[in-house]
Amino acid sequence: MINYSVFETEMRVRPDDIDMNQHVHNSKYFDYVLAARYDQMEKNYGMSMEEFIKLDYGWVVSKAMIEYKRPLGLGDWFIVKTGIKEVLKNGVVVYFEIVKKNNSKLCSSGEFHYVMVSTKTGRSIQIPEKILDRYSI
């Protein structure tokens, strides 16, 4: 079994993230994970999403699960930690944790199942070896 690296992206809650209950709306956690993965593709895997798209590849979320532990509020700084849990024939399972920066308390955790697709056809494809090599750090 391969142990994959865990990467971190620091973010801050913005006013438009807040819902009527005065904490981050549940849907924003999806956005936070996707933004962190976008950031980490370039910084940590050495392959920006733009480069990925030039090769006619894309990622589509096929399944997502989030467990909410404690809320984030306006102005909170937090860390999105992500790592590959499992590599599949045509995708990856990415787990994540979102923790408050000031006290390292867990706010949410879960996983996303991503399927690799050809942007030319929109259909799933097997992950090429050169991509697997980049993600196997």
C-alpha atoms as a PDB file:
ATOM      1  CA  MET A   1       0.000   0.000   0.000  1.00  0.00           C
ATOM      2  CA  ILE A   2       1.303   3.427  -0.957  1.00  0.00           C
ATOM      3  CA  ASN A   3       1.210   6.228   1.607  1.00  0.00           C
ATOM      4  CA  TYR A   4       0.522   9.489  -0.174  1.00  0.00           C
ATOM      5  CA  SER A   5       1.507  12.941   1.014  1.00  0.00           C
ATOM      6  CA  VAL A   6      -0.863  15.254   2.857  1.00  0.00           C
ATOM      7  CA  PHE A   7      -0.868  18.894   1.782  1.00  0.00           C
ATOM      8  CA  GLU A   8      -2.208  22.022   3.465  1.00  0.00           C
ATOM      9  CA  THR A   9      -3.784  25.210   2.180  1.00  0.00           C
ATOM     10  CA  GLU A  10      -4.572  28.136   4.471  1.00  0.00           C
ATOM     11  CA  MET A  11      -7.801  30.052   3.879  1.00  0.00           C
ATOM     12  CA  ARG A  12     -10.037  32.591   5.572  1.00  0.00           C
ATOM     13  CA  VAL A  13     -13.817  32.772   5.896  1.00  0.00           C
ATOM     14  CA  ARG A  14     -15.252  35.585   3.785  1.00  0.00           C
ATOM     15  CA  PRO A  15     -18.501  37.497   4.404  1.00  0.00           C
ATOM     16  CA  ASP A  16     -20.239  35.808   1.454  1.00  0.00           C
ATOM     17  CA  ASP A  17     -19.524  32.383   3.025  1.00  0.00           C
ATOM     18  CA  ILE A  18     -21.824  33.106   5.988  1.00  0.00           C
ATOM     19  CA  ASP A  19     -25.417  31.863   6.133  1.00  0.00           C
ATOM     20  CA  MET A  20     -28.451  33.069   8.099  1.00  0.00           C
ATOM     21  CA  ASN A  21     -27.208  31.173  11.184  1.00  0.00           C
ATOM     22  CA  GLN A  22     -24.066  33.345  11.222  1.00  0.00           C
ATOM     23  CA  HIS A  23     -21.637  30.546  10.388  1.00  0.00           C
ATOM     24  CA  VAL A  24     -20.247  29.116   7.154  1.00  0.00           C
ATOM     25  CA  HIS A  25     -22.934  27.593   4.959  1.00  0.00           C
ATOM     26  CA  ASN A  26     -22.484  23.843   4.540  1.00  0.00           C
ATOM     27  CA  SER A  27     -22.011  24.101   0.754  1.00  0.00           C
ATOM     28  CA  LYS A  28     -18.952  26.345   1.190  1.00  0.00           C
ATOM     29  CA  TYR A  29     -16.963  23.446   2.666  1.00  0.00           C
ATOM     30  CA  PHE A  30     -17.130  21.787  -0.764  1.00  0.00           C
ATOM     31  CA  ASP A  31     -15.765  24.996  -2.285  1.00  0.00           C
ATOM     32  CA  TYR A  32     -12.947  25.118   0.268  1.00  0.00           C
ATOM     33  CA  VAL A  33     -11.793  21.575  -0.555  1.00  0.00           C
ATOM     34  CA  LEU A  34     -11.982  22.166  -4.310  1.00  0.00           C
ATOM     35  CA  ALA A  35     -10.053  25.452  -3.992  1.00  0.00           C
ATOM     36  CA  ALA A  36      -7.399  23.740  -1.857  1.00  0.00           C
ATOM     37  CA  ARG A  37      -6.969  20.907  -4.372  1.00  0.00           C
ATOM     38  CA  TYR A  38      -6.650  23.461  -7.182  1.00  0.00           C
ATOM     39  CA  ASP A  39      -3.930  25.256  -5.186  1.00  0.00           C
ATOM     40  CA  GLN A  40      -2.180  22.003  -4.282  1.00  0.00           C
ATOM     41  CA  MET A  41      -2.130  20.708  -7.864  1.00  0.00           C
ATOM     42  CA  GLU A  42       0.254  23.497  -8.801  1.00  0.00           C
ATOM     43  CA  LYS A  43       2.224  23.971  -5.570  1.00  0.00           C
ATOM     44  CA  ASN A  44       2.622  20.365  -4.455  1.00  0.00           C
ATOM     45  CA  TYR A  45       2.091  18.104  -7.457  1.00  0.00           C
ATOM     46  CA  GLY A  46       3.873  20.437  -9.870  1.00  0.00           C
ATOM     47  CA  MET A  47       1.013  20.380 -12.366  1.00  0.00           C
ATOM     48  CA  SER A  48      -1.435  23.267 -12.426  1.00  0.00           C
ATOM     49  CA  MET A  49      -5.043  22.733 -13.439  1.00  0.00           C
ATOM     50  CA  GLU A  50      -4.323  24.833 -16.525  1.00  0.00           C
ATOM     51  CA  GLU A  51      -1.549  22.420 -17.553  1.00  0.00           C
ATOM     52  CA  PHE A  52      -3.862  19.500 -16.821  1.00  0.00           C
ATOM     53  CA  ILE A  53      -6.551  20.984 -19.096  1.00  0.00           C
ATOM     54  CA  LYS A  54      -4.015  21.587 -21.898  1.00  0.00           C
ATOM     55  CA  LEU A  55      -3.475  17.811 -21.889  1.00  0.00           C
ATOM     56  CA  ASP A  56      -7.255  17.384 -22.351  1.00  0.00           C
ATOM     57  CA  TYR A  57      -7.783  15.957 -18.851  1.00  0.00           C
ATOM     58  CA  GLY A  58     -10.265  16.939 -16.191  1.00  0.00           C
ATOM     59  CA  TRP A  59     -11.561  15.754 -12.827  1.00  0.00           C
ATOM     60  CA  VAL A  60     -15.244  15.239 -12.043  1.00  0.00           C
ATOM     61  CA  VAL A  61     -16.608  14.615  -8.556  1.00  0.00           C
ATOM     62  CA  SER A  62     -18.619  11.386  -8.549  1.00  0.00           C
ATOM     63  CA  LYS A  63     -19.202  11.173  -4.805  1.00  0.00           C
ATOM     64  CA  ALA A  64     -18.667  13.449  -1.821  1.00  0.00           C
ATOM     65  CA  MET A  65     -19.093  12.921   1.905  1.00  0.00           C
ATOM     66  CA  ILE A  66     -18.627  15.541   4.614  1.00  0.00           C
ATOM     67  CA  GLU A  67     -18.996  15.206   8.359  1.00  0.00           C
ATOM     68  CA  TYR A  68     -19.420  18.535  10.129  1.00  0.00           C
ATOM     69  CA  LYS A  69     -17.923  18.767  13.647  1.00  0.00           C
ATOM     70  CA  ARG A  70     -17.907  22.466  14.562  1.00  0.00           C
ATOM     71  CA  PRO A  71     -18.699  25.666  12.681  1.00  0.00           C
ATOM     72  CA  LEU A  72     -16.420  28.219  11.142  1.00  0.00           C
ATOM     73  CA  GLY A  73     -17.346  31.875  11.534  1.00  0.00           C
ATOM     74  CA  LEU A  74     -16.689  35.160   9.821  1.00  0.00           C
ATOM     75  CA  GLY A  75     -12.990  35.971   9.646  1.00  0.00           C
ATOM     76  CA  ASP A  76     -11.812  32.567  10.918  1.00  0.00           C
ATOM     77  CA  TRP A  77      -8.544  31.338   9.461  1.00  0.00           C
ATOM     78  CA  PHE A  78      -8.504  27.627   8.719  1.00  0.00           C
ATOM     79  CA  ILE A  79      -6.351  24.938   7.136  1.00  0.00           C
ATOM     80  CA  VAL A  80      -7.610  22.513   4.496  1.00  0.00           C
ATOM     81  CA  LYS A  81      -5.562  19.309   4.651  1.00  0.00           C
ATOM     82  CA  THR A  82      -5.964  16.879   1.767  1.00  0.00           C
ATOM     83  CA  GLY A  83      -4.346  13.676   0.627  1.00  0.00           C
ATOM     84  CA  ILE A  84      -4.982  10.812  -1.711  1.00  0.00           C
ATOM     85  CA  LYS A  85      -6.539   7.914   0.154  1.00  0.00           C
ATOM     86  CA  GLU A  86      -6.764   5.534  -2.792  1.00  0.00           C
ATOM     87  CA  VAL A  87      -5.965   5.456  -6.497  1.00  0.00           C
ATOM     88  CA  LEU A  88      -8.519   3.725  -8.683  1.00  0.00           C
ATOM     89  CA  LYS A  89      -8.275   2.717 -12.348  1.00  0.00           C
ATOM     90  CA  ASN A  90      -9.965   5.901 -13.525  1.00  0.00           C
ATOM     91  CA  GLY A  91      -9.940   8.105 -10.451  1.00  0.00           C
ATOM     92  CA  VAL A  92      -8.819   8.885  -6.943  1.00  0.00           C
ATOM     93  CA  VAL A  93     -10.348   9.071  -3.497  1.00  0.00           C
ATOM     94  CA  VAL A  94      -9.185  12.206  -1.691  1.00  0.00           C
ATOM     95  CA  TYR A  95      -9.734  12.592   2.040  1.00  0.00           C
ATOM     96  CA  PHE A  96      -9.707  15.948   3.754  1.00  0.00           C
ATOM     97  CA  GLU A  97      -9.850  17.719   7.079  1.00  0.00           C
ATOM     98  CA  ILE A  98     -10.660  21.353   7.735  1.00  0.00           C
ATOM     99  CA  VAL A  99      -9.233  22.641  11.014  1.00  0.00           C
ATOM    100  CA  LYS A 100      -9.286  26.049  12.691  1.00  0.00           C
ATOM    101  CA  LYS A 101      -5.868  27.640  12.502  1.00  0.00           C
ATOM    102  CA  ASN A 102      -5.897  29.202  15.987  1.00  0.00           C
ATOM    103  CA  ASN A 103      -6.606  25.992  17.918  1.00  0.00           C
ATOM    104  CA  SER A 104      -6.212  23.092  15.423  1.00  0.00           C
ATOM    105  CA  LYS A 105      -9.734  21.874  16.228  1.00  0.00           C
ATOM    106  CA  LEU A 106     -11.410  19.764  13.570  1.00  0.00           C
ATOM    107  CA  CYS A 107     -14.329  21.531  11.860  1.00  0.00           C
ATOM    108  CA  SER A 108     -15.116  18.962   9.178  1.00  0.00           C
ATOM    109  CA  SER A 109     -13.712  15.900   7.458  1.00  0.00           C
ATOM    110  CA  GLY A 110     -14.666  13.599   4.647  1.00  0.00           C
ATOM    111  CA  GLU A 111     -13.721  12.419   1.208  1.00  0.00           C
ATOM    112  CA  PHE A 112     -14.267  13.149  -2.442  1.00  0.00           C
ATOM    113  CA  HIS A 113     -14.237  10.560  -5.215  1.00  0.00           C
ATOM    114  CA  TYR A 114     -12.839  12.105  -8.388  1.00  0.00           C
ATOM    115  CA  VAL A 115     -13.097  10.497 -11.825  1.00  0.00           C
ATOM    116  CA  MET A 116     -10.603  11.457 -14.507  1.00  0.00           C
ATOM    117  CA  VAL A 117     -12.250  12.464 -17.768  1.00  0.00           C
ATOM    118  CA  SER A 118     -11.193  13.371 -21.263  1.00  0.00           C
ATOM    119  CA  THR A 119     -12.259  16.965 -21.883  1.00  0.00           C
ATOM    120  CA  LYS A 120     -12.609  16.064 -25.575  1.00  0.00           C
ATOM    121  CA  THR A 121     -15.217  13.367 -24.979  1.00  0.00           C
ATOM    122  CA  GLY A 122     -16.449  14.043 -21.433  1.00  0.00           C
ATOM    123  CA  ARG A 123     -16.038  10.329 -20.686  1.00  0.00           C
ATOM    124  CA  SER A 124     -14.009   8.729 -17.928  1.00  0.00           C
ATOM    125  CA  ILE A 125     -10.546   7.501 -18.829  1.00  0.00           C
ATOM    126  CA  GLN A 126      -7.840   5.461 -17.183  1.00  0.00           C
ATOM    127  CA  ILE A 127      -5.299   7.627 -15.349  1.00  0.00           C
ATOM    128  CA  PRO A 128      -2.127   7.824 -17.483  1.00  0.00           C
ATOM    129  CA  GLU A 129       1.129   6.664 -15.872  1.00  0.00           C
ATOM    130  CA  LYS A 130       2.694  10.135 -16.150  1.00  0.00           C
ATOM    131  CA  ILE A 131      -0.168  11.552 -14.060  1.00  0.00           C
ATOM    132  CA  LEU A 132       0.063   8.708 -11.526  1.00  0.00           C
ATOM    133  CA  ASP A 133       3.787   9.423 -11.157  1.00  0.00           C
ATOM    134  CA  ARG A 134       3.055  13.075 -10.316  1.00  0.00           C
ATOM    135  CA  TYR A 135       0.386  12.161  -7.766  1.00  0.00           C
ATOM    136  CA  SER A 136       2.432   9.400  -6.113  1.00  0.00           C
ATOM    137  CA  ILE A 137       4.418  11.656  -3.810  1.00  0.00           C
END
